[in-house]
């Protein structure tokens, strides 16, 4: 997994850990059925650390395939 951070100017606004996940095909927007438990497990295993979650926003259905530009 790769994560990228851009435009953050305040160190206090950053979390200790960022959990980035992509939902599965036909799942509603957000972190998905795998991402949410992953984030919850990460939080429970890192007491005292701040954990932010981010669900990647993209077309995740078979009716709107992503085509290269």
PDB file of N, CA and C in Angstrom:
ATOM      1  N   UNK A   1       0.836  -1.153   0.000  1.00  0.00           N
ATOM      2  CA  UNK A   1       0.000   0.000   0.000  1.00  0.00           C
ATOM      3  C   UNK A   1       0.891   1.228   0.000  1.00  0.00           C
ATOM      4  N   UNK A   2       0.516   2.223  -0.789  1.00  0.00           N
ATOM      5  CA  UNK A   2       1.235   3.496  -0.827  1.00  0.00           C
ATOM      6  C   UNK A   2       0.305   4.593  -0.345  1.00  0.00           C
ATOM      7  N   UNK A   3       0.858   5.506   0.397  1.00  0.00           N
ATOM      8  CA  UNK A   3       0.086   6.680   0.783  1.00  0.00           C
ATOM      9  C   UNK A   3       0.879   7.916   0.417  1.00  0.00           C
ATOM     10  N   UNK A   4       0.160   8.949   0.052  1.00  0.00           N
ATOM     11  CA  UNK A   4       0.780  10.208  -0.314  1.00  0.00           C
ATOM     12  C   UNK A   4       0.106  11.311   0.478  1.00  0.00           C
ATOM     13  N   UNK A   5       0.879  12.272   0.893  1.00  0.00           N
ATOM     14  CA  UNK A   5       0.338  13.408   1.617  1.00  0.00           C
ATOM     15  C   UNK A   5       0.729  14.676   0.878  1.00  0.00           C
ATOM     16  N   UNK A   6      -0.253  15.532   0.635  1.00  0.00           N
ATOM     17  CA  UNK A   6       0.042  16.782  -0.066  1.00  0.00           C
ATOM     18  C   UNK A   6      -0.737  17.914   0.574  1.00  0.00           C
ATOM     19  N   UNK A   7      -0.127  19.046   0.651  1.00  0.00           N
ATOM     20  CA  UNK A   7      -0.807  20.240   1.114  1.00  0.00           C
ATOM     21  C   UNK A   7      -0.995  20.346   2.611  1.00  0.00           C
ATOM     22  N   UNK A   8      -0.368  19.519   3.396  1.00  0.00           N
ATOM     23  CA  UNK A   8      -0.495  19.626   4.846  1.00  0.00           C
ATOM     24  C   UNK A   8       0.579  20.575   5.343  1.00  0.00           C
ATOM     25  N   UNK A   9       0.142  21.659   5.975  1.00  0.00           N
ATOM     26  CA  UNK A   9       1.105  22.656   6.428  1.00  0.00           C
ATOM     27  C   UNK A   9       1.246  22.684   7.941  1.00  0.00           C
ATOM     28  N   UNK A  10       0.307  22.083   8.649  1.00  0.00           N
ATOM     29  CA  UNK A  10       0.332  22.122  10.104  1.00  0.00           C
ATOM     30  C   UNK A  10       0.630  20.731  10.647  1.00  0.00           C
ATOM     31  N   UNK A  11       1.780  20.549  11.279  1.00  0.00           N
ATOM     32  CA  UNK A  11       2.166  19.237  11.789  1.00  0.00           C
ATOM     33  C   UNK A  11       1.171  18.728  12.819  1.00  0.00           C
ATOM     34  N   UNK A  12       0.528  19.604  13.557  1.00  0.00           N
ATOM     35  CA  UNK A  12      -0.437  19.186  14.569  1.00  0.00           C
ATOM     36  C   UNK A  12      -1.680  18.562  13.943  1.00  0.00           C
ATOM     37  N   UNK A  13      -1.963  18.864  12.680  1.00  0.00           N
ATOM     38  CA  UNK A  13      -3.143  18.331  12.005  1.00  0.00           C
ATOM     39  C   UNK A  13      -2.927  16.912  11.490  1.00  0.00           C
ATOM     40  N   UNK A  14      -1.726  16.425  11.464  1.00  0.00           N
ATOM     41  CA  UNK A  14      -1.435  15.090  10.960  1.00  0.00           C
ATOM     42  C   UNK A  14      -1.697  14.034  12.022  1.00  0.00           C
ATOM     43  N   UNK A  15      -2.163  12.891  11.567  1.00  0.00           N
ATOM     44  CA  UNK A  15      -2.350  11.753  12.463  1.00  0.00           C
ATOM     45  C   UNK A  15      -1.056  10.956  12.523  1.00  0.00           C
ATOM     46  N   UNK A  16      -0.926  10.154  13.568  1.00  0.00           N
ATOM     47  CA  UNK A  16       0.225   9.257  13.656  1.00  0.00           C
ATOM     48  C   UNK A  16       0.162   8.188  12.564  1.00  0.00           C
ATOM     49  N   UNK A  17      -1.057   7.751  12.236  1.00  0.00           N
ATOM     50  CA  UNK A  17      -1.264   6.682  11.252  1.00  0.00           C
ATOM     51  C   UNK A  17      -2.399   7.068  10.323  1.00  0.00           C
ATOM     52  N   UNK A  18      -2.237   6.829   9.038  1.00  0.00           N
ATOM     53  CA  UNK A  18      -3.289   7.033   8.047  1.00  0.00           C
ATOM     54  C   UNK A  18      -3.642   5.674   7.452  1.00  0.00           C
ATOM     55  N   UNK A  19      -4.921   5.306   7.520  1.00  0.00           N
ATOM     56  CA  UNK A  19      -5.391   4.064   6.908  1.00  0.00           C
ATOM     57  C   UNK A  19      -6.150   4.452   5.644  1.00  0.00           C
ATOM     58  N   UNK A  20      -5.624   4.060   4.494  1.00  0.00           N
ATOM     59  CA  UNK A  20      -6.235   4.371   3.208  1.00  0.00           C
ATOM     60  C   UNK A  20      -6.728   3.064   2.600  1.00  0.00           C
ATOM     61  N   UNK A  21      -8.013   3.031   2.243  1.00  0.00           N
ATOM     62  CA  UNK A  21      -8.556   1.811   1.663  1.00  0.00           C
ATOM     63  C   UNK A  21      -9.500   2.145   0.518  1.00  0.00           C
ATOM     64  N   UNK A  22      -9.703   1.178  -0.346  1.00  0.00           N
ATOM     65  CA  UNK A  22     -10.613   1.325  -1.481  1.00  0.00           C
ATOM     66  C   UNK A  22     -11.736   0.310  -1.341  1.00  0.00           C
ATOM     67  N   UNK A  23     -12.947   0.751  -1.557  1.00  0.00           N
ATOM     68  CA  UNK A  23     -14.108  -0.131  -1.454  1.00  0.00           C
ATOM     69  C   UNK A  23     -14.135  -1.120  -2.604  1.00  0.00           C
ATOM     70  N   UNK A  24     -14.900  -2.158  -2.428  1.00  0.00           N
ATOM     71  CA  UNK A  24     -15.040  -3.164  -3.475  1.00  0.00           C
ATOM     72  C   UNK A  24     -16.114  -2.781  -4.477  1.00  0.00           C
ATOM     73  N   UNK A  25     -16.166  -3.502  -5.557  1.00  0.00           N
ATOM     74  CA  UNK A  25     -17.172  -3.282  -6.583  1.00  0.00           C
ATOM     75  C   UNK A  25     -18.565  -3.342  -5.964  1.00  0.00           C
ATOM     76  N   UNK A  26     -19.385  -2.365  -6.293  1.00  0.00           N
ATOM     77  CA  UNK A  26     -20.770  -2.236  -5.871  1.00  0.00           C
ATOM     78  C   UNK A  26     -20.960  -1.856  -4.398  1.00  0.00           C
ATOM     79  N   UNK A  27     -19.891  -1.640  -3.648  1.00  0.00           N
ATOM     80  CA  UNK A  27     -20.032  -1.157  -2.274  1.00  0.00           C
ATOM     81  C   UNK A  27     -20.319   0.337  -2.294  1.00  0.00           C
ATOM     82  N   UNK A  28     -21.022   0.838  -1.280  1.00  0.00           N
ATOM     83  CA  UNK A  28     -21.262   2.284  -1.217  1.00  0.00           C
ATOM     84  C   UNK A  28     -19.957   3.031  -0.954  1.00  0.00           C
ATOM     85  N   UNK A  29     -19.907   4.326  -1.287  1.00  0.00           N
ATOM     86  CA  UNK A  29     -18.691   5.108  -1.048  1.00  0.00           C
ATOM     87  C   UNK A  29     -18.221   5.021   0.398  1.00  0.00           C
ATOM     88  N   UNK A  30     -16.927   5.080   0.577  1.00  0.00           N
ATOM     89  CA  UNK A  30     -16.321   4.998   1.901  1.00  0.00           C
ATOM     90  C   UNK A  30     -15.181   3.997   1.905  1.00  0.00           C
ATOM     91  N   UNK A  31     -14.880   3.480   3.084  1.00  0.00           N
ATOM     92  CA  UNK A  31     -13.738   2.583   3.246  1.00  0.00           C
ATOM     93  C   UNK A  31     -14.051   1.136   2.897  1.00  0.00           C
ATOM     94  N   UNK A  32     -15.318   0.789   2.778  1.00  0.00           N
ATOM     95  CA  UNK A  32     -15.689  -0.563   2.383  1.00  0.00           C
ATOM     96  C   UNK A  32     -15.717  -1.555   3.535  1.00  0.00           C
ATOM     97  N   UNK A  33     -16.132  -2.773   3.230  1.00  0.00           N
ATOM     98  CA  UNK A  33     -16.295  -3.783   4.278  1.00  0.00           C
ATOM     99  C   UNK A  33     -14.956  -4.293   4.811  1.00  0.00           C
ATOM    100  N   UNK A  34     -13.894  -4.087   4.089  1.00  0.00           N
ATOM    101  CA  UNK A  34     -12.565  -4.473   4.568  1.00  0.00           C
ATOM    102  C   UNK A  34     -11.877  -3.298   5.261  1.00  0.00           C
ATOM    103  N   UNK A  35     -12.024  -2.109   4.714  1.00  0.00           N
ATOM    104  CA  UNK A  35     -11.335  -0.934   5.249  1.00  0.00           C
ATOM    105  C   UNK A  35     -11.771  -0.543   6.653  1.00  0.00           C
ATOM    106  N   UNK A  36     -13.070  -0.623   6.931  1.00  0.00           N
ATOM    107  CA  UNK A  36     -13.554  -0.244   8.259  1.00  0.00           C
ATOM    108  C   UNK A  36     -13.008  -1.153   9.359  1.00  0.00           C
ATOM    109  N   UNK A  37     -13.087  -2.491   9.211  1.00  0.00           N
ATOM    110  CA  UNK A  37     -12.484  -3.348  10.236  1.00  0.00           C
ATOM    111  C   UNK A  37     -10.966  -3.166  10.338  1.00  0.00           C
ATOM    112  N   UNK A  38     -10.310  -2.901   9.221  1.00  0.00           N
ATOM    113  CA  UNK A  38      -8.870  -2.653   9.249  1.00  0.00           C
ATOM    114  C   UNK A  38      -8.567  -1.410  10.087  1.00  0.00           C
ATOM    115  N   UNK A  39      -9.317  -0.357   9.879  1.00  0.00           N
ATOM    116  CA  UNK A  39      -9.115   0.875  10.641  1.00  0.00           C
ATOM    117  C   UNK A  39      -9.413   0.650  12.122  1.00  0.00           C
ATOM    118  N   UNK A  40     -10.499  -0.047  12.418  1.00  0.00           N
ATOM    119  CA  UNK A  40     -10.847  -0.323  13.821  1.00  0.00           C
ATOM    120  C   UNK A  40      -9.764  -1.159  14.496  1.00  0.00           C
ATOM    121  N   UNK A  41      -9.266  -2.173  13.799  1.00  0.00           N
ATOM    122  CA  UNK A  41      -8.202  -3.009  14.357  1.00  0.00           C
ATOM    123  C   UNK A  41      -6.921  -2.241  14.572  1.00  0.00           C
ATOM    124  N   UNK A  42      -6.618  -1.349  13.649  1.00  0.00           N
ATOM    125  CA  UNK A  42      -5.413  -0.526  13.776  1.00  0.00           C
ATOM    126  C   UNK A  42      -5.517   0.366  15.009  1.00  0.00           C
ATOM    127  N   UNK A  43      -6.689   0.993  15.190  1.00  0.00           N
ATOM    128  CA  UNK A  43      -6.895   1.855  16.353  1.00  0.00           C
ATOM    129  C   UNK A  43      -6.752   1.083  17.666  1.00  0.00           C
ATOM    130  N   UNK A  44      -7.311  -0.120  17.714  1.00  0.00           N
ATOM    131  CA  UNK A  44      -7.271  -0.884  18.965  1.00  0.00           C
ATOM    132  C   UNK A  44      -5.868  -1.400  19.281  1.00  0.00           C
ATOM    133  N   UNK A  45      -5.030  -1.568  18.264  1.00  0.00           N
ATOM    134  CA  UNK A  45      -3.680  -2.076  18.481  1.00  0.00           C
ATOM    135  C   UNK A  45      -2.638  -0.981  18.698  1.00  0.00           C
ATOM    136  N   UNK A  46      -3.068   0.258  18.536  1.00  0.00           N
ATOM    137  CA  UNK A  46      -2.148   1.384  18.721  1.00  0.00           C
ATOM    138  C   UNK A  46      -2.717   2.387  19.720  1.00  0.00           C
ATOM    139  N   UNK A  47      -2.902   1.971  20.966  1.00  0.00           N
ATOM    140  CA  UNK A  47      -3.446   2.907  21.948  1.00  0.00           C
ATOM    141  C   UNK A  47      -2.537   4.122  22.115  1.00  0.00           C
ATOM    142  N   UNK A  48      -3.152   5.261  22.229  1.00  0.00           N
ATOM    143  CA  UNK A  48      -2.385   6.493  22.396  1.00  0.00           C
ATOM    144  C   UNK A  48      -1.945   7.130  21.092  1.00  0.00           C
ATOM    145  N   UNK A  49      -2.192   6.467  19.969  1.00  0.00           N
ATOM    146  CA  UNK A  49      -1.840   7.020  18.651  1.00  0.00           C
ATOM    147  C   UNK A  49      -3.108   7.504  17.963  1.00  0.00           C
ATOM    148  N   UNK A  50      -2.991   8.587  17.218  1.00  0.00           N
ATOM    149  CA  UNK A  50      -4.134   9.063  16.443  1.00  0.00           C
ATOM    150  C   UNK A  50      -4.155   8.344  15.098  1.00  0.00           C
ATOM    151  N   UNK A  51      -5.342   7.914  14.697  1.00  0.00           N
ATOM    152  CA  UNK A  51      -5.508   7.154  13.451  1.00  0.00           C
ATOM    153  C   UNK A  51      -6.597   7.817  12.625  1.00  0.00           C
ATOM    154  N   UNK A  52      -6.262   8.236  11.416  1.00  0.00           N
ATOM    155  CA  UNK A  52      -7.239   8.774  10.468  1.00  0.00           C
ATOM    156  C   UNK A  52      -7.524   7.728   9.413  1.00  0.00           C
ATOM    157  N   UNK A  53      -8.751   7.723   8.905  1.00  0.00           N
ATOM    158  CA  UNK A  53      -9.116   6.811   7.828  1.00  0.00           C
ATOM    159  C   UNK A  53      -9.546   7.607   6.611  1.00  0.00           C
ATOM    160  N   UNK A  54      -9.312   7.038   5.459  1.00  0.00           N
ATOM    161  CA  UNK A  54      -9.682   7.679   4.201  1.00  0.00           C
ATOM    162  C   UNK A  54     -10.100   6.610   3.212  1.00  0.00           C
ATOM    163  N   UNK A  55     -11.320   6.708   2.717  1.00  0.00           N
ATOM    164  CA  UNK A  55     -11.797   5.820   1.664  1.00  0.00           C
ATOM    165  C   UNK A  55     -11.562   6.471   0.318  1.00  0.00           C
ATOM    166  N   UNK A  56     -10.855   5.795  -0.563  1.00  0.00           N
ATOM    167  CA  UNK A  56     -10.539   6.328  -1.890  1.00  0.00           C
ATOM    168  C   UNK A  56     -11.836   6.516  -2.678  1.00  0.00           C
ATOM    169  N   UNK A  57     -12.005   7.674  -3.286  1.00  0.00           N
ATOM    170  CA  UNK A  57     -13.198   7.991  -4.066  1.00  0.00           C
ATOM    171  C   UNK A  57     -12.956   7.637  -5.531  1.00  0.00           C
ATOM    172  N   UNK A  58     -13.661   6.636  -6.015  1.00  0.00           N
ATOM    173  CA  UNK A  58     -13.538   6.236  -7.417  1.00  0.00           C
ATOM    174  C   UNK A  58     -14.784   5.457  -7.829  1.00  0.00           C
ATOM    175  N   UNK A  59     -14.974   5.291  -9.125  1.00  0.00           N
ATOM    176  CA  UNK A  59     -16.120   4.528  -9.627  1.00  0.00           C
ATOM    177  C   UNK A  59     -15.871   3.048  -9.356  1.00  0.00           C
ATOM    178  N   UNK A  60     -16.667   2.471  -8.471  1.00  0.00           N
ATOM    179  CA  UNK A  60     -16.451   1.071  -8.085  1.00  0.00           C
ATOM    180  C   UNK A  60     -17.647   0.220  -8.466  1.00  0.00           C
ATOM    181  N   UNK A  61     -18.150   0.411  -9.662  1.00  0.00           N
ATOM    182  CA  UNK A  61     -19.232  -0.440 -10.103  1.00  0.00           C
ATOM    183  C   UNK A  61     -18.975  -0.904 -11.531  1.00  0.00           C
ATOM    184  N   UNK A  62     -19.632  -1.956 -11.904  1.00  0.00           N
ATOM    185  CA  UNK A  62     -19.390  -2.552 -13.226  1.00  0.00           C
ATOM    186  C   UNK A  62     -20.033  -1.747 -14.345  1.00  0.00           C
ATOM    187  N   UNK A  63     -20.956  -0.849 -14.002  1.00  0.00           N
ATOM    188  CA  UNK A  63     -21.625  -0.049 -15.021  1.00  0.00           C
ATOM    189  C   UNK A  63     -20.857   1.193 -15.415  1.00  0.00           C
ATOM    190  N   UNK A  64     -19.897   1.608 -14.592  1.00  0.00           N
ATOM    191  CA  UNK A  64     -19.080   2.783 -14.882  1.00  0.00           C
ATOM    192  C   UNK A  64     -17.605   2.419 -14.792  1.00  0.00           C
ATOM    193  N   UNK A  65     -17.112   1.625 -15.723  1.00  0.00           N
ATOM    194  CA  UNK A  65     -15.686   1.254 -15.642  1.00  0.00           C
ATOM    195  C   UNK A  65     -14.787   2.463 -15.837  1.00  0.00           C
ATOM    196  N   UNK A  66     -13.662   2.429 -15.195  1.00  0.00           N
ATOM    197  CA  UNK A  66     -12.688   3.504 -15.335  1.00  0.00           C
ATOM    198  C   UNK A  66     -11.881   3.235 -16.585  1.00  0.00           C
ATOM    199  N   UNK A  67     -11.856   4.199 -17.480  1.00  0.00           N
ATOM    200  CA  UNK A  67     -11.105   4.040 -18.726  1.00  0.00           C
ATOM    201  C   UNK A  67      -9.891   4.964 -18.697  1.00  0.00           C
ATOM    202  N   UNK A  68      -8.770   4.480 -19.192  1.00  0.00           N
ATOM    203  CA  UNK A  68      -7.582   5.356 -19.232  1.00  0.00           C
ATOM    204  C   UNK A  68      -7.824   6.546 -20.137  1.00  0.00           C
ATOM    205  N   UNK A  69      -7.199   7.659 -19.786  1.00  0.00           N
ATOM    206  CA  UNK A  69      -7.361   8.871 -20.609  1.00  0.00           C
ATOM    207  C   UNK A  69      -6.207   9.020 -21.562  1.00  0.00           C
TER     208      UNK A  69
END
